[in-house]
Protein backbone atom coordinates (compact mmCIF):
# COMPACT_ATOMS: atom_id res chain seq x y z
CA MET A 1 105.86 178.07 98.75
CA THR A 2 102.50 176.56 97.02
CA ARG A 3 101.44 174.17 99.94
CA TRP A 4 101.53 177.46 102.53
CA LEU A 5 100.72 179.85 99.86
CA PRO A 6 98.74 178.41 96.86
CA PHE A 7 98.01 181.81 95.39
CA PRO A 8 100.54 183.98 96.28
CA ARG A 9 99.42 187.01 94.22
CA ILE A 10 95.97 186.60 96.12
CA SER A 11 98.18 186.49 99.63
CA ALA A 12 100.00 189.52 98.77
CA ILE A 13 96.80 191.26 97.92
CA LEU A 14 95.08 190.58 100.76
CA PHE A 15 98.17 191.53 103.19
CA VAL A 16 98.33 194.46 101.68
CA VAL A 17 94.28 195.49 101.33
CA TRP A 18 94.05 194.67 105.08
CA LEU A 19 96.35 197.18 106.14
CA LEU A 20 95.15 199.92 103.97
CA LEU A 21 91.69 199.50 104.99
CA ASN A 22 92.53 199.58 108.55
CA GLN A 23 95.39 202.73 108.08
CA THR A 24 97.99 201.05 110.21
CA LEU A 25 100.94 199.21 110.59
CA ALA A 26 100.16 198.33 114.22
CA PRO A 27 101.57 194.69 115.21
CA GLY A 28 98.10 193.31 115.97
CA HIS A 29 97.18 194.34 112.46
CA ILE A 30 100.11 193.30 110.76
CA LEU A 31 99.47 189.75 112.26
CA LEU A 32 95.90 189.75 111.06
CA ALA A 33 97.26 190.59 107.75
CA VAL A 34 99.74 187.62 107.57
CA MET A 35 96.95 185.20 109.02
CA LEU A 36 94.27 186.57 106.54
CA ALA A 37 96.86 186.22 103.55
CA VAL A 38 97.76 182.39 104.70
CA ALA A 39 93.97 181.32 105.85
CA ALA A 40 92.14 182.41 102.88
CA PRO A 41 93.78 181.29 100.03
CA LEU A 42 94.07 177.93 101.77
CA LEU A 43 90.58 178.02 101.97
CA LEU A 44 90.13 179.02 98.62
CA ALA A 45 92.40 176.18 97.30
CA ARG A 46 89.98 173.38 99.13
CA LEU A 47 87.18 174.25 96.92
CA GLU A 48 88.22 172.77 93.77
CA PRO A 49 86.07 174.14 91.06
CA PRO A 50 85.38 171.97 88.35
CA ALA A 51 87.69 171.94 85.38
CA GLY A 52 86.21 174.01 82.50
CA HIS A 53 86.63 177.27 80.62
CA ALA A 54 84.82 179.58 78.32
CA LYS A 55 85.25 178.77 74.18
CA ARG A 56 83.81 180.64 71.37
CA PRO A 57 84.34 184.42 72.25
CA LEU A 58 81.89 185.38 69.15
CA THR A 59 79.23 183.84 70.96
CA ILE A 60 80.26 185.17 74.39
CA ILE A 61 79.88 188.86 72.61
CA LEU A 62 76.52 187.75 71.04
CA LEU A 63 74.95 186.35 74.25
CA THR A 64 76.61 189.81 76.00
CA TRP A 65 74.57 192.00 73.56
CA ARG A 66 71.32 189.92 73.89
CA VAL A 67 71.70 190.15 77.91
CA LEU A 68 72.47 194.30 77.37
CA VAL A 69 69.45 194.70 74.97
CA ASP A 70 67.21 191.84 77.29
CA ILE A 71 67.85 193.98 80.72
CA THR A 72 67.37 197.68 79.07
CA ASN A 73 63.76 196.20 77.29
CA SER A 74 63.04 194.59 80.93
CA ASN A 75 63.79 197.94 82.85
CA ILE A 76 61.53 199.97 80.33
CA ALA A 77 58.81 197.12 80.82
CA VAL A 78 58.78 197.07 84.67
CA ALA A 79 58.95 200.51 84.88
CA GLY A 80 55.63 200.78 82.79
CA VAL A 81 54.46 198.16 85.13
CA ILE A 82 54.89 200.04 87.93
CA LEU A 83 54.24 204.09 86.94
CA ARG A 84 51.34 203.26 84.38
CA PRO A 85 49.41 200.34 86.06
CA ASP A 86 46.83 199.29 83.45
CA ARG A 87 43.00 198.63 85.09
CA ASP A 88 41.76 196.59 82.28
CA HIS A 89 45.01 194.14 82.61
CA GLN A 90 45.26 192.51 85.43
CA ARG A 91 48.74 191.88 86.01
CA ARG A 92 50.02 188.01 87.15
CA ALA A 93 53.19 187.42 88.29
CA GLY A 94 54.03 183.75 88.55
CA PHE A 95 56.43 181.00 88.60
CA VAL A 96 57.51 179.36 85.25
CA HIS A 97 59.30 175.72 84.97
CA ILE A 98 61.63 175.69 82.53
CA PRO A 99 63.38 172.35 81.18
CA LEU A 100 66.93 172.64 80.83
CA THR A 101 69.56 170.90 78.78
CA THR A 102 72.61 171.94 80.36
CA ARG A 103 74.30 170.59 83.68
CA SER A 104 77.61 172.84 83.00
CA PRO A 105 77.79 174.46 86.80
CA TYR A 106 79.44 177.45 84.69
CA ALA A 107 76.81 178.00 82.30
CA LEU A 108 74.26 177.33 85.46
CA ALA A 109 75.60 180.29 87.11
CA THR A 110 76.13 182.52 83.88
CA LEU A 111 72.23 181.87 83.46
CA ALA A 112 71.62 182.61 87.20
CA CYS A 113 73.45 185.70 86.91
CA ILE A 114 71.44 186.62 83.71
CA ILE A 115 68.08 185.67 85.18
CA THR A 116 68.46 187.74 88.73
CA ALA A 117 69.90 190.81 86.65
CA THR A 118 66.83 190.96 84.40
CA PRO A 119 64.32 193.47 86.32
CA GLY A 120 61.15 191.35 86.98
CA THR A 121 62.75 188.04 86.61
CA ILE A 122 64.58 186.16 89.76
CA TRP A 123 65.45 182.63 89.51
CA VAL A 124 64.11 180.54 92.26
CA ASP A 125 64.97 177.01 92.06
CA TYR A 126 66.89 174.44 90.28
CA GLU A 127 66.17 170.85 90.53
CA SER A 128 69.32 169.41 89.63
CA ALA A 129 67.92 165.68 89.13
CA SER A 130 65.04 166.71 86.58
CA GLY A 131 66.84 170.17 85.07
CA ILE A 132 64.01 171.97 86.08
CA LEU A 133 64.83 175.85 86.51
CA ILE A 134 62.12 177.47 88.52
CA ILE A 135 61.99 181.42 88.22
CA HIS A 136 59.28 184.09 89.12
CA VAL A 137 58.20 186.66 86.48
CA LEU A 138 56.40 189.60 87.80
CA ASP A 139 54.40 189.96 84.60
CA LEU A 140 53.41 186.33 83.59
CA VAL A 141 51.46 186.89 80.15
CA ASP A 142 52.66 183.99 78.26
CA GLU A 143 54.55 181.10 79.91
CA GLN A 144 55.51 179.21 76.80
CA ALA A 145 57.22 182.53 75.64
CA TRP A 146 59.25 182.70 78.75
CA ILE A 147 60.50 178.86 78.29
CA ASN A 148 61.55 180.06 74.79
CA THR A 149 63.46 182.48 75.86
CA ILE A 150 65.63 180.89 78.21
CA THR A 151 65.96 177.83 76.41
CA GLN A 152 66.40 179.09 72.63
CA ARG A 153 68.06 182.99 73.63
CA TYR A 154 70.47 182.07 76.26
CA GLU A 155 70.79 178.27 77.06
CA ARG A 156 71.46 177.77 73.60
CA LEU A 157 74.43 180.16 73.37
CA LEU A 158 75.43 178.99 76.63
CA LEU A 159 75.82 175.14 75.68
CA GLU A 160 78.19 176.46 72.49
CA ILE A 161 80.35 178.55 75.18
CA PHE A 162 80.53 176.07 77.96
CA GLU A 163 80.11 172.44 76.76
């Protein structure tokens, strides 16, 4: 059973969802639902994600709180940049190169979500050989402040959670 259906619950859900989305029990759609329910989990099983799990639930809660506060503050700051352009202060967007310690794919994926979800910043590139993360910042005033924010505020907690 596990050879043809490595994730039977996912197969069942895919089968039902396909039929619900198409609102029909026509033989052709039933056949397509079966094919999807068998093929998709087989492809998913080939991905073989690296072993790992999150640790320290209190650290996860702290990280979540920090991210929510930072996203709120960033929304306010970006709204200020857009709604009240300061003629005296030249806004300067730019790229920041941040050296990271972590190599955990789970920590890096989480950090990518945090950075991209924060208004005014976006994950641009990660050079795995050197561990350098490149982000783009809408209003780059202090590059070192961004480096400290990413490494001290986020990466340190991600290291506790995933390594």
